[in-house]
Amino acid sequence: MPRDKTASHEKIVQAAMQEFQQKGFERASMKAVADAVGMTSAALYRHFAGKQDMFAALVQPAIDAMDAWQAKHMAASYDGLERHASEATWEMWDFDGETSDVRMVLDVMYEQPETFRLLLCCAAGTPYEHYAHDMIEQSVDEMMRFLQACRARGIPAREIQRDEMHMLVSAYCTALIQPIEHGYDKADAERYLKTMVDFFTPGWRMITGL
């Protein structure tokens, strides 16, 4: 019956999440997931084609949410430049501002923290094992383009080499995702992020000239 199948599937998802979190992808076992929900391995394979398929199904909602936020984030940043030129550069340093990277953590990652922890900490052996690195590379490219756009509009953003930008963004993004990786609750994460942003923002403003 469809309702029974839905309930079974939800149990499988919960068991799979726990199995991957406890053991990581490489050591996780489809049999262990099947045992946890009281079904045979053959029955489990009617829900997922394999361990890779199961992991992908768990993390895809987090990836989709992050992609949507990134697109909105960049659109808001450039819209700010078009609307009020140099005033827009101040918005990115506002802890609660629409274009603040803190919103990425609090509004996106903390909507599904267990899934993001799975993606960031347990994905070795999957196509997602370099997700954090890929996110950093994307952020570096976006920041370089944004600084160029600022200069094109007469905003005196400083020139910076890409390898230097990569080191800075890597340190910054690594700090941003620490609350998720260490399992902080949202209130503790917000307190940590406020301290982290207070520390990084003067350096970013000095380096970028914004």
C-alpha atoms as a PDB file:
ATOM      1  CA  MET A   1       0.000   0.000   0.000  1.00  0.00           C
ATOM      2  CA  PRO A   2       1.355   3.499  -0.841  1.00  0.00           C
ATOM      3  CA  ARG A   3       1.043   4.790   2.719  1.00  0.00           C
ATOM      4  CA  ASP A   4       3.042   1.854   4.095  1.00  0.00           C
ATOM      5  CA  LYS A   5       5.689   2.354   1.414  1.00  0.00           C
ATOM      6  CA  THR A   6       6.006   6.045   2.309  1.00  0.00           C
ATOM      7  CA  ALA A   7       6.378   5.249   5.988  1.00  0.00           C
ATOM      8  CA  SER A   8       8.978   2.594   5.211  1.00  0.00           C
ATOM      9  CA  HIS A   9      10.899   4.972   2.994  1.00  0.00           C
ATOM     10  CA  GLU A  10      11.020   7.605   5.728  1.00  0.00           C
ATOM     11  CA  LYS A  11      12.362   5.033   8.177  1.00  0.00           C
ATOM     12  CA  ILE A  12      15.035   4.066   5.654  1.00  0.00           C
ATOM     13  CA  VAL A  13      16.046   7.703   5.185  1.00  0.00           C
ATOM     14  CA  GLN A  14      16.397   8.196   8.939  1.00  0.00           C
ATOM     15  CA  ALA A  15      18.398   4.981   9.335  1.00  0.00           C
ATOM     16  CA  ALA A  16      20.620   5.841   6.377  1.00  0.00           C
ATOM     17  CA  MET A  17      21.292   9.309   7.775  1.00  0.00           C
ATOM     18  CA  GLN A  18      22.374   7.790  11.075  1.00  0.00           C
ATOM     19  CA  GLU A  19      24.508   5.131   9.412  1.00  0.00           C
ATOM     20  CA  PHE A  20      26.371   7.633   7.217  1.00  0.00           C
ATOM     21  CA  GLN A  21      26.852  10.083  10.082  1.00  0.00           C
ATOM     22  CA  GLN A  22      28.257   7.456  12.405  1.00  0.00           C
ATOM     23  CA  LYS A  23      30.504   5.663   9.912  1.00  0.00           C
ATOM     24  CA  GLY A  24      30.995   7.969   6.930  1.00  0.00           C
ATOM     25  CA  PHE A  25      30.089   6.884   3.411  1.00  0.00           C
ATOM     26  CA  GLU A  26      32.954   4.469   2.858  1.00  0.00           C
ATOM     27  CA  ARG A  27      32.339   2.401   5.998  1.00  0.00           C
ATOM     28  CA  ALA A  28      28.551   2.613   5.891  1.00  0.00           C
ATOM     29  CA  SER A  29      26.654  -0.531   4.933  1.00  0.00           C
ATOM     30  CA  MET A  30      23.416  -1.035   3.055  1.00  0.00           C
ATOM     31  CA  LYS A  31      22.915  -4.195   5.120  1.00  0.00           C
ATOM     32  CA  ALA A  32      23.206  -2.197   8.344  1.00  0.00           C
ATOM     33  CA  VAL A  33      20.533   0.199   7.094  1.00  0.00           C
ATOM     34  CA  ALA A  34      18.285  -2.718   6.135  1.00  0.00           C
ATOM     35  CA  ASP A  35      18.797  -4.311   9.542  1.00  0.00           C
ATOM     36  CA  ALA A  36      18.006  -1.042  11.309  1.00  0.00           C
ATOM     37  CA  VAL A  37      14.584  -0.832   9.669  1.00  0.00           C
ATOM     38  CA  GLY A  38      13.861  -4.570   9.848  1.00  0.00           C
ATOM     39  CA  MET A  39      13.878  -5.389   6.150  1.00  0.00           C
ATOM     40  CA  THR A  40      15.956  -7.509   3.825  1.00  0.00           C
ATOM     41  CA  SER A  41      18.718  -6.031   1.694  1.00  0.00           C
ATOM     42  CA  ALA A  42      16.706  -7.002  -1.385  1.00  0.00           C
ATOM     43  CA  ALA A  43      13.756  -4.958  -0.136  1.00  0.00           C
ATOM     44  CA  LEU A  44      16.037  -1.984   0.556  1.00  0.00           C
ATOM     45  CA  TYR A  45      17.300  -2.055  -3.033  1.00  0.00           C
ATOM     46  CA  ARG A  46      13.742  -1.463  -4.194  1.00  0.00           C
ATOM     47  CA  HIS A  47      14.065   1.994  -2.610  1.00  0.00           C
ATOM     48  CA  PHE A  48      17.645   2.835  -3.631  1.00  0.00           C
ATOM     49  CA  ALA A  49      19.791   1.416  -6.420  1.00  0.00           C
ATOM     50  CA  GLY A  50      22.848   1.387  -4.167  1.00  0.00           C
ATOM     51  CA  LYS A  51      24.805   3.187  -1.484  1.00  0.00           C
ATOM     52  CA  GLN A  52      25.836   6.035  -3.816  1.00  0.00           C
ATOM     53  CA  ASP A  53      22.220   6.547  -4.856  1.00  0.00           C
ATOM     54  CA  MET A  54      21.127   6.548  -1.223  1.00  0.00           C
ATOM     55  CA  PHE A  55      23.729   9.137  -0.196  1.00  0.00           C
ATOM     56  CA  ALA A  56      22.911  11.345  -3.188  1.00  0.00           C
ATOM     57  CA  ALA A  57      19.212  11.292  -2.316  1.00  0.00           C
ATOM     58  CA  LEU A  58      20.004  12.398   1.237  1.00  0.00           C
ATOM     59  CA  VAL A  59      22.244  15.350   0.329  1.00  0.00           C
ATOM     60  CA  GLN A  60      20.523  16.647  -2.819  1.00  0.00           C
ATOM     61  CA  PRO A  61      17.977  18.801  -0.922  1.00  0.00           C
ATOM     62  CA  ALA A  62      20.864  20.579   0.836  1.00  0.00           C
ATOM     63  CA  ILE A  63      22.691  21.144  -2.451  1.00  0.00           C
ATOM     64  CA  ASP A  64      19.546  22.509  -4.107  1.00  0.00           C
ATOM     65  CA  ALA A  65      18.906  24.873  -1.195  1.00  0.00           C
ATOM     66  CA  MET A  66      22.490  26.135  -1.287  1.00  0.00           C
ATOM     67  CA  ASP A  67      22.432  26.653  -5.060  1.00  0.00           C
ATOM     68  CA  ALA A  68      19.211  28.645  -4.778  1.00  0.00           C
ATOM     69  CA  TRP A  69      20.641  30.814  -1.990  1.00  0.00           C
ATOM     70  CA  GLN A  70      23.876  31.444  -3.886  1.00  0.00           C
ATOM     71  CA  ALA A  71      21.966  32.589  -6.955  1.00  0.00           C
ATOM     72  CA  LYS A  72      19.805  34.911  -4.838  1.00  0.00           C
ATOM     73  CA  HIS A  73      22.866  36.171  -2.941  1.00  0.00           C
ATOM     74  CA  MET A  74      24.755  37.137  -6.089  1.00  0.00           C
ATOM     75  CA  ALA A  75      21.689  38.717  -7.689  1.00  0.00           C
ATOM     76  CA  ALA A  76      21.155  40.846  -4.563  1.00  0.00           C
ATOM     77  CA  SER A  77      24.824  41.890  -4.534  1.00  0.00           C
ATOM     78  CA  TYR A  78      24.768  43.097  -8.125  1.00  0.00           C
ATOM     79  CA  ASP A  79      21.345  44.654  -7.732  1.00  0.00           C
ATOM     80  CA  GLY A  80      22.804  46.665  -4.871  1.00  0.00           C
ATOM     81  CA  LEU A  81      25.556  47.963  -7.115  1.00  0.00           C
ATOM     82  CA  GLU A  82      23.058  49.009  -9.756  1.00  0.00           C
ATOM     83  CA  ARG A  83      20.766  50.715  -7.249  1.00  0.00           C
ATOM     84  CA  HIS A  84      23.159  52.766  -5.207  1.00  0.00           C
ATOM     85  CA  ALA A  85      26.737  52.182  -6.280  1.00  0.00           C
ATOM     86  CA  SER A  86      29.203  52.701  -3.427  1.00  0.00           C
ATOM     87  CA  GLU A  87      26.511  52.457  -0.737  1.00  0.00           C
ATOM     88  CA  ALA A  88      26.013  48.810  -1.747  1.00  0.00           C
ATOM     89  CA  THR A  89      29.524  47.927  -0.622  1.00  0.00           C
ATOM     90  CA  TRP A  90      28.483  48.594   2.973  1.00  0.00           C
ATOM     91  CA  GLU A  91      25.657  46.061   2.863  1.00  0.00           C
ATOM     92  CA  MET A  92      27.932  43.037   2.534  1.00  0.00           C
ATOM     93  CA  TRP A  93      29.491  43.786   5.935  1.00  0.00           C
ATOM     94  CA  ASP A  94      26.135  44.007   7.724  1.00  0.00           C
ATOM     95  CA  PHE A  95      25.731  40.903   9.922  1.00  0.00           C
ATOM     96  CA  ASP A  96      21.971  40.810   9.288  1.00  0.00           C
ATOM     97  CA  GLY A  97      22.121  42.180   5.749  1.00  0.00           C
ATOM     98  CA  GLU A  98      20.555  40.422   2.769  1.00  0.00           C
ATOM     99  CA  THR A  99      23.948  39.837   1.144  1.00  0.00           C
ATOM    100  CA  SER A 100      25.749  38.717   4.320  1.00  0.00           C
ATOM    101  CA  ASP A 101      27.369  35.282   4.111  1.00  0.00           C
ATOM    102  CA  VAL A 102      26.135  34.642   7.651  1.00  0.00           C
ATOM    103  CA  ARG A 103      22.660  34.162   6.178  1.00  0.00           C
ATOM    104  CA  MET A 104      24.045  31.225   4.197  1.00  0.00           C
ATOM    105  CA  VAL A 105      24.732  29.411   7.453  1.00  0.00           C
ATOM    106  CA  LEU A 106      21.776  30.520   9.563  1.00  0.00           C
ATOM    107  CA  ASP A 107      19.060  30.589   6.884  1.00  0.00           C
ATOM    108  CA  VAL A 108      20.180  27.691   4.693  1.00  0.00           C
ATOM    109  CA  MET A 109      22.429  25.279   6.569  1.00  0.00           C
ATOM    110  CA  TYR A 110      20.449  25.471   9.794  1.00  0.00           C
ATOM    111  CA  GLU A 111      17.263  24.584   7.960  1.00  0.00           C
ATOM    112  CA  GLN A 112      18.730  21.073   7.559  1.00  0.00           C
ATOM    113  CA  PRO A 113      21.903  20.942   9.680  1.00  0.00           C
ATOM    114  CA  GLU A 114      22.179  17.136   9.779  1.00  0.00           C
ATOM    115  CA  THR A 115      22.101  16.940   6.000  1.00  0.00           C
ATOM    116  CA  PHE A 116      24.763  19.616   5.616  1.00  0.00           C
ATOM    117  CA  ARG A 117      26.917  17.880   8.220  1.00  0.00           C
ATOM    118  CA  LEU A 118      26.599  14.714   6.164  1.00  0.00           C
ATOM    119  CA  LEU A 119      27.646  16.595   3.043  1.00  0.00           C
ATOM    120  CA  LEU A 120      30.580  18.367   4.683  1.00  0.00           C
ATOM    121  CA  CYS A 121      31.918  15.656   6.998  1.00  0.00           C
ATOM    122  CA  CYS A 122      30.876  12.228   5.730  1.00  0.00           C
ATOM    123  CA  ALA A 123      31.111  12.363   1.934  1.00  0.00           C
ATOM    124  CA  ALA A 124      34.582  10.857   1.326  1.00  0.00           C
ATOM    125  CA  GLY A 125      34.253   8.273  -1.435  1.00  0.00           C
ATOM    126  CA  THR A 126      31.329  10.036  -3.123  1.00  0.00           C
ATOM    127  CA  PRO A 127      31.178  12.651  -5.905  1.00  0.00           C
ATOM    128  CA  TYR A 128      30.490  15.192  -3.135  1.00  0.00           C
ATOM    129  CA  GLU A 129      33.682  14.707  -1.123  1.00  0.00           C
ATOM    130  CA  HIS A 130      35.143  18.000  -2.388  1.00  0.00           C
ATOM    131  CA  TYR A 131      31.944  19.976  -1.883  1.00  0.00           C
ATOM    132  CA  ALA A 132      33.486  22.495   0.525  1.00  0.00           C
ATOM    133  CA  HIS A 133      36.508  23.006  -1.733  1.00  0.00           C
ATOM    134  CA  ASP A 134      34.268  23.485  -4.777  1.00  0.00           C
ATOM    135  CA  MET A 135      32.157  25.979  -2.835  1.00  0.00           C
ATOM    136  CA  ILE A 136      35.317  27.922  -1.981  1.00  0.00           C
ATOM    137  CA  GLU A 137      36.488  27.943  -5.607  1.00  0.00           C
ATOM    138  CA  GLN A 138      33.097  29.244  -6.717  1.00  0.00           C
ATOM    139  CA  SER A 139      33.195  31.943  -4.038  1.00  0.00           C
ATOM    140  CA  VAL A 140      36.679  33.036  -5.128  1.00  0.00           C
ATOM    141  CA  ASP A 141      35.546  33.414  -8.738  1.00  0.00           C
ATOM    142  CA  GLU A 142      32.446  35.327  -7.676  1.00  0.00           C
ATOM    143  CA  MET A 143      34.429  37.658  -5.428  1.00  0.00           C
ATOM    144  CA  MET A 144      36.943  38.403  -8.183  1.00  0.00           C
ATOM    145  CA  ARG A 145      34.107  39.215 -10.606  1.00  0.00           C
ATOM    146  CA  PHE A 146      32.352  41.369  -8.014  1.00  0.00           C
ATOM    147  CA  LEU A 147      35.483  43.446  -7.334  1.00  0.00           C
ATOM    148  CA  GLN A 148      35.917  43.934 -11.063  1.00  0.00           C
ATOM    149  CA  ALA A 149      32.284  45.062 -11.331  1.00  0.00           C
ATOM    150  CA  CYS A 150      32.857  47.522  -8.477  1.00  0.00           C
ATOM    151  CA  ARG A 151      35.849  49.055 -10.255  1.00  0.00           C
ATOM    152  CA  ALA A 152      33.876  49.268 -13.508  1.00  0.00           C
ATOM    153  CA  ARG A 153      31.310  51.392 -11.664  1.00  0.00           C
ATOM    154  CA  GLY A 154      33.915  53.722 -10.220  1.00  0.00           C
ATOM    155  CA  ILE A 155      34.095  52.097  -6.782  1.00  0.00           C
ATOM    156  CA  PRO A 156      37.800  51.964  -5.806  1.00  0.00           C
ATOM    157  CA  ALA A 157      38.033  48.245  -5.016  1.00  0.00           C
ATOM    158  CA  ARG A 158      41.624  47.073  -4.719  1.00  0.00           C
ATOM    159  CA  GLU A 159      43.351  44.686  -7.097  1.00  0.00           C
ATOM    160  CA  ILE A 160      44.169  41.314  -5.552  1.00  0.00           C
ATOM    161  CA  GLN A 161      45.690  38.192  -7.079  1.00  0.00           C
ATOM    162  CA  ARG A 162      43.453  35.150  -7.363  1.00  0.00           C
ATOM    163  CA  ASP A 163      45.779  32.916  -5.349  1.00  0.00           C
ATOM    164  CA  GLU A 164      45.733  35.462  -2.524  1.00  0.00           C
ATOM    165  CA  MET A 165      41.953  35.680  -2.715  1.00  0.00           C
ATOM    166  CA  HIS A 166      41.759  31.888  -2.611  1.00  0.00           C
ATOM    167  CA  MET A 167      43.719  31.719   0.649  1.00  0.00           C
ATOM    168  CA  LEU A 168      41.541  34.398   2.256  1.00  0.00           C
ATOM    169  CA  VAL A 169      38.236  32.912   1.110  1.00  0.00           C
ATOM    170  CA  SER A 170      39.373  29.441   2.152  1.00  0.00           C
ATOM    171  CA  ALA A 171      40.107  30.631   5.687  1.00  0.00           C
ATOM    172  CA  TYR A 172      36.825  32.565   5.832  1.00  0.00           C
ATOM    173  CA  CYS A 173      34.586  29.789   4.489  1.00  0.00           C
ATOM    174  CA  THR A 174      36.263  27.205   6.703  1.00  0.00           C
ATOM    175  CA  ALA A 175      35.398  29.375   9.684  1.00  0.00           C
ATOM    176  CA  LEU A 176      31.839  29.933   8.453  1.00  0.00           C
ATOM    177  CA  ILE A 177      30.979  26.242   8.335  1.00  0.00           C
ATOM    178  CA  GLN A 178      32.551  25.316  11.677  1.00  0.00           C
ATOM    179  CA  PRO A 179      29.229  25.478  13.578  1.00  0.00           C
ATOM    180  CA  ILE A 180      27.709  22.897  11.240  1.00  0.00           C
ATOM    181  CA  GLU A 181      30.742  20.625  11.325  1.00  0.00           C
ATOM    182  CA  HIS A 182      30.903  20.716  15.137  1.00  0.00           C
ATOM    183  CA  GLY A 183      27.176  20.339  15.708  1.00  0.00           C
ATOM    184  CA  TYR A 184      26.476  23.682  17.395  1.00  0.00           C
ATOM    185  CA  ASP A 185      22.837  24.504  18.001  1.00  0.00           C
ATOM    186  CA  LYS A 186      21.576  27.552  16.117  1.00  0.00           C
ATOM    187  CA  ALA A 187      21.814  29.970  19.044  1.00  0.00           C
ATOM    188  CA  ASP A 188      25.440  29.041  19.702  1.00  0.00           C
ATOM    189  CA  ALA A 189      26.165  29.204  15.983  1.00  0.00           C
ATOM    190  CA  GLU A 190      24.799  32.740  15.736  1.00  0.00           C
ATOM    191  CA  ARG A 191      26.922  33.850  18.678  1.00  0.00           C
ATOM    192  CA  TYR A 192      30.026  32.248  17.140  1.00  0.00           C
ATOM    193  CA  LEU A 193      29.347  33.768  13.733  1.00  0.00           C
ATOM    194  CA  LYS A 194      28.981  37.245  15.217  1.00  0.00           C
ATOM    195  CA  THR A 195      32.428  36.912  16.790  1.00  0.00           C
ATOM    196  CA  MET A 196      33.878  35.489  13.597  1.00  0.00           C
ATOM    197  CA  VAL A 197      32.446  38.267  11.426  1.00  0.00           C
ATOM    198  CA  ASP A 198      33.665  40.941  13.850  1.00  0.00           C
ATOM    199  CA  PHE A 199      37.132  39.440  13.468  1.00  0.00           C
ATOM    200  CA  PHE A 200      37.169  39.021   9.670  1.00  0.00           C
ATOM    201  CA  THR A 201      35.318  42.152   8.531  1.00  0.00           C
ATOM    202  CA  PRO A 202      38.077  44.735   9.219  1.00  0.00           C
ATOM    203  CA  GLY A 203      40.513  42.566   7.263  1.00  0.00           C
ATOM    204  CA  TRP A 204      38.132  42.121   4.338  1.00  0.00           C
ATOM    205  CA  ARG A 205      37.490  45.863   4.173  1.00  0.00           C
ATOM    206  CA  MET A 206      41.191  46.613   4.214  1.00  0.00           C
ATOM    207  CA  ILE A 207      42.073  44.000   1.568  1.00  0.00           C
ATOM    208  CA  THR A 208      39.206  44.804  -0.807  1.00  0.00           C
ATOM    209  CA  GLY A 209      39.074  48.569  -0.223  1.00  0.00           C
ATOM    210  CA  LEU A 210      35.294  48.393   0.187  1.00  0.00           C
END
